[in-house]
Amino acid sequence: MSTVISTYEAKAHLSRLLAKVEETGEAITICRNKKPVVDMVPHRLRDPLQQDPSLRGARFHGDPCQLVDEADWPRGLR
């Protein structure tokens, strides 16, 4: 079950709330005028290969952040 707090309390105790989410993994729901606005949840690193099923089995070679030369792009994408 998640903790429910007001925006005022979230603003006043943000560091403490972040630590609680980080340590316990518990979600915290922040409300404005008693209506839920956002859920604060632990960050999960996602494997980009799991996000797109068409990439399953793909392997990256080299630095994925390095620019790709235009000649290496398929003709339809240039």
N, C-alpha and C. Protein backbone atom coordinates (compact mmCIF):
# COMPACT_ATOMS: atom_id res chain seq x y z
N MET A 1 0.84 -1.18 0.00
CA MET A 1 0.00 0.00 0.00
C MET A 1 0.89 1.25 0.00
N SER A 2 0.50 2.24 -0.77
CA SER A 2 1.33 3.43 -0.85
C SER A 2 0.91 4.46 0.20
N THR A 3 1.85 5.30 0.55
CA THR A 3 1.60 6.41 1.44
C THR A 3 0.97 7.54 0.62
N VAL A 4 0.00 8.23 1.20
CA VAL A 4 -0.67 9.34 0.51
C VAL A 4 -0.37 10.61 1.29
N ILE A 5 0.15 11.64 0.58
CA ILE A 5 0.49 12.90 1.24
C ILE A 5 0.04 14.07 0.38
N SER A 6 0.00 15.25 0.97
CA SER A 6 -0.37 16.46 0.25
C SER A 6 0.86 17.05 -0.45
N THR A 7 0.61 17.94 -1.40
CA THR A 7 1.72 18.60 -2.08
C THR A 7 2.52 19.44 -1.08
N TYR A 8 1.84 20.04 -0.10
CA TYR A 8 2.52 20.84 0.91
C TYR A 8 3.52 19.98 1.68
N GLU A 9 3.08 18.81 2.13
CA GLU A 9 3.97 17.91 2.88
C GLU A 9 5.11 17.41 1.99
N ALA A 10 4.80 17.11 0.73
CA ALA A 10 5.84 16.63 -0.19
C ALA A 10 6.92 17.70 -0.37
N LYS A 11 6.49 18.95 -0.52
CA LYS A 11 7.45 20.04 -0.70
C LYS A 11 8.30 20.24 0.55
N ALA A 12 7.68 20.14 1.71
CA ALA A 12 8.39 20.37 2.96
C ALA A 12 9.35 19.25 3.32
N HIS A 13 9.08 18.02 2.85
CA HIS A 13 9.87 16.86 3.27
C HIS A 13 10.38 16.04 2.09
N LEU A 14 10.67 16.69 0.98
CA LEU A 14 11.07 15.97 -0.23
C LEU A 14 12.26 15.04 -0.02
N SER A 15 13.31 15.52 0.61
CA SER A 15 14.51 14.69 0.81
C SER A 15 14.19 13.44 1.62
N ARG A 16 13.41 13.60 2.67
CA ARG A 16 13.03 12.46 3.51
C ARG A 16 12.18 11.46 2.71
N LEU A 17 11.27 11.98 1.90
CA LEU A 17 10.40 11.11 1.10
C LEU A 17 11.20 10.35 0.04
N LEU A 18 12.15 11.04 -0.60
CA LEU A 18 12.99 10.37 -1.58
C LEU A 18 13.78 9.23 -0.93
N ALA A 19 14.32 9.49 0.26
CA ALA A 19 15.07 8.46 0.97
C ALA A 19 14.19 7.27 1.30
N LYS A 20 12.94 7.54 1.70
CA LYS A 20 12.01 6.46 2.05
C LYS A 20 11.71 5.59 0.82
N VAL A 21 11.44 6.23 -0.31
CA VAL A 21 11.17 5.48 -1.54
C VAL A 21 12.39 4.65 -1.93
N GLU A 22 13.57 5.26 -1.83
CA GLU A 22 14.81 4.58 -2.20
C GLU A 22 15.08 3.38 -1.30
N GLU A 23 14.89 3.54 0.01
CA GLU A 23 15.21 2.48 0.97
C GLU A 23 14.16 1.37 1.01
N THR A 24 12.88 1.73 0.95
CA THR A 24 11.83 0.73 1.12
C THR A 24 11.23 0.24 -0.19
N GLY A 25 11.35 1.05 -1.24
CA GLY A 25 10.71 0.70 -2.51
C GLY A 25 9.23 1.00 -2.51
N GLU A 26 8.73 1.58 -1.43
CA GLU A 26 7.30 1.89 -1.31
C GLU A 26 6.95 3.12 -2.14
N ALA A 27 5.82 3.07 -2.81
CA ALA A 27 5.35 4.20 -3.60
C ALA A 27 4.71 5.24 -2.68
N ILE A 28 4.83 6.50 -3.06
CA ILE A 28 4.19 7.59 -2.32
C ILE A 28 3.32 8.35 -3.32
N THR A 29 2.03 8.50 -3.00
CA THR A 29 1.11 9.23 -3.85
C THR A 29 0.99 10.66 -3.33
N ILE A 30 1.21 11.62 -4.19
CA ILE A 30 1.12 13.03 -3.82
C ILE A 30 -0.20 13.57 -4.36
N CYS A 31 -0.98 14.20 -3.47
CA CYS A 31 -2.30 14.70 -3.82
C CYS A 31 -2.39 16.21 -3.74
N ARG A 32 -3.23 16.77 -4.59
CA ARG A 32 -3.56 18.19 -4.54
C ARG A 32 -5.08 18.27 -4.36
N ASN A 33 -5.51 18.99 -3.34
CA ASN A 33 -6.94 19.09 -3.02
C ASN A 33 -7.58 17.72 -2.88
N LYS A 34 -6.86 16.82 -2.22
CA LYS A 34 -7.31 15.45 -1.92
C LYS A 34 -7.49 14.58 -3.16
N LYS A 35 -6.93 15.01 -4.30
CA LYS A 35 -6.99 14.21 -5.53
C LYS A 35 -5.58 13.79 -5.91
N PRO A 36 -5.36 12.51 -6.17
CA PRO A 36 -4.01 12.04 -6.56
C PRO A 36 -3.52 12.74 -7.83
N VAL A 37 -2.27 13.19 -7.78
CA VAL A 37 -1.66 13.88 -8.91
C VAL A 37 -0.52 13.06 -9.49
N VAL A 38 0.33 12.50 -8.61
CA VAL A 38 1.51 11.80 -9.09
C VAL A 38 1.90 10.72 -8.08
N ASP A 39 2.52 9.65 -8.59
CA ASP A 39 3.08 8.61 -7.73
C ASP A 39 4.59 8.71 -7.78
N MET A 40 5.20 8.75 -6.61
CA MET A 40 6.66 8.74 -6.52
C MET A 40 7.05 7.28 -6.30
N VAL A 41 7.75 6.71 -7.27
CA VAL A 41 8.11 5.29 -7.21
C VAL A 41 9.61 5.15 -7.44
N PRO A 42 10.21 4.03 -7.02
CA PRO A 42 11.64 3.83 -7.26
C PRO A 42 11.93 3.76 -8.76
N HIS A 43 13.05 4.32 -9.15
CA HIS A 43 13.47 4.27 -10.54
C HIS A 43 13.96 2.86 -10.87
N ARG A 44 13.58 2.37 -12.04
CA ARG A 44 14.04 1.06 -12.48
C ARG A 44 14.77 1.24 -13.80
N LEU A 45 16.01 0.76 -13.83
CA LEU A 45 16.75 0.80 -15.08
C LEU A 45 16.13 -0.20 -16.03
N ARG A 46 15.90 0.22 -17.25
CA ARG A 46 15.27 -0.66 -18.23
C ARG A 46 16.28 -1.01 -19.31
N ASP A 47 16.25 -2.25 -19.70
CA ASP A 47 17.09 -2.71 -20.79
C ASP A 47 16.42 -2.29 -22.10
N PRO A 48 17.08 -1.46 -22.92
CA PRO A 48 16.44 -1.00 -24.16
C PRO A 48 16.01 -2.15 -25.07
N LEU A 49 16.66 -3.29 -24.97
CA LEU A 49 16.28 -4.43 -25.80
C LEU A 49 14.96 -5.03 -25.36
N GLN A 50 14.58 -4.84 -24.11
CA GLN A 50 13.30 -5.37 -23.62
C GLN A 50 12.15 -4.42 -23.93
N GLN A 51 12.43 -3.15 -24.20
CA GLN A 51 11.38 -2.18 -24.49
C GLN A 51 10.77 -2.41 -25.87
N ASP A 52 11.55 -2.81 -26.83
CA ASP A 52 11.07 -3.01 -28.20
C ASP A 52 11.29 -4.48 -28.58
N PRO A 53 10.20 -5.26 -28.66
CA PRO A 53 10.36 -6.69 -28.96
C PRO A 53 11.07 -6.97 -30.27
N SER A 54 11.02 -6.03 -31.23
CA SER A 54 11.69 -6.27 -32.51
C SER A 54 13.21 -6.26 -32.36
N LEU A 55 13.72 -5.75 -31.22
CA LEU A 55 15.16 -5.72 -31.00
C LEU A 55 15.67 -6.92 -30.21
N ARG A 56 14.77 -7.84 -29.85
CA ARG A 56 15.19 -9.00 -29.08
C ARG A 56 16.26 -9.78 -29.84
N GLY A 57 17.33 -10.08 -29.16
CA GLY A 57 18.44 -10.81 -29.77
C GLY A 57 19.48 -9.91 -30.41
N ALA A 58 19.19 -8.60 -30.49
CA ALA A 58 20.14 -7.67 -31.10
C ALA A 58 21.34 -7.47 -30.17
N ARG A 59 22.46 -7.22 -30.74
CA ARG A 59 23.68 -6.95 -29.98
C ARG A 59 24.27 -5.64 -30.49
N PHE A 60 24.67 -4.79 -29.59
CA PHE A 60 25.28 -3.53 -29.96
C PHE A 60 26.79 -3.69 -29.96
N HIS A 61 27.42 -3.17 -30.99
CA HIS A 61 28.88 -3.21 -31.09
C HIS A 61 29.38 -1.77 -31.14
N GLY A 62 30.42 -1.49 -30.40
CA GLY A 62 30.95 -0.14 -30.38
C GLY A 62 30.24 0.74 -29.36
N ASP A 63 30.41 2.02 -29.50
CA ASP A 63 29.84 3.00 -28.59
C ASP A 63 28.48 3.45 -29.11
N PRO A 64 27.39 3.15 -28.40
CA PRO A 64 26.06 3.54 -28.90
C PRO A 64 25.84 5.05 -28.89
N CYS A 65 26.70 5.79 -28.23
CA CYS A 65 26.56 7.25 -28.17
C CYS A 65 27.34 7.95 -29.28
N GLN A 66 28.17 7.21 -29.98
CA GLN A 66 28.99 7.79 -31.05
C GLN A 66 28.11 8.04 -32.27
N LEU A 67 28.34 9.16 -32.95
CA LEU A 67 27.57 9.50 -34.15
C LEU A 67 27.81 8.46 -35.24
N VAL A 68 26.77 8.22 -36.02
CA VAL A 68 26.85 7.26 -37.12
C VAL A 68 27.03 8.05 -38.41
N ASP A 69 27.98 7.63 -39.23
CA ASP A 69 28.23 8.28 -40.50
C ASP A 69 27.02 8.10 -41.40
N GLU A 70 26.70 9.13 -42.17
CA GLU A 70 25.52 9.08 -43.05
C GLU A 70 25.57 7.90 -44.01
N ALA A 71 26.75 7.52 -44.45
CA ALA A 71 26.90 6.42 -45.39
C ALA A 71 26.48 5.07 -44.77
N ASP A 72 26.49 4.99 -43.44
CA ASP A 72 26.12 3.74 -42.77
C ASP A 72 24.60 3.59 -42.58
N TRP A 73 23.84 4.65 -42.84
CA TRP A 73 22.39 4.58 -42.69
C TRP A 73 21.77 3.92 -43.91
N PRO A 74 20.69 3.17 -43.76
CA PRO A 74 19.98 2.63 -44.93
C PRO A 74 19.51 3.78 -45.83
N ARG A 75 19.46 3.54 -47.14
CA ARG A 75 19.11 4.60 -48.09
C ARG A 75 17.79 5.28 -47.75
N GLY A 76 16.80 4.56 -47.34
CA GLY A 76 15.48 5.12 -47.06
C GLY A 76 15.44 6.01 -45.83
N LEU A 77 16.49 5.99 -45.03
CA LEU A 77 16.51 6.78 -43.81
C LEU A 77 17.49 7.96 -43.87
N ARG A 78 18.14 8.13 -44.99
CA ARG A 78 19.14 9.21 -45.12
C ARG A 78 18.46 10.54 -45.29
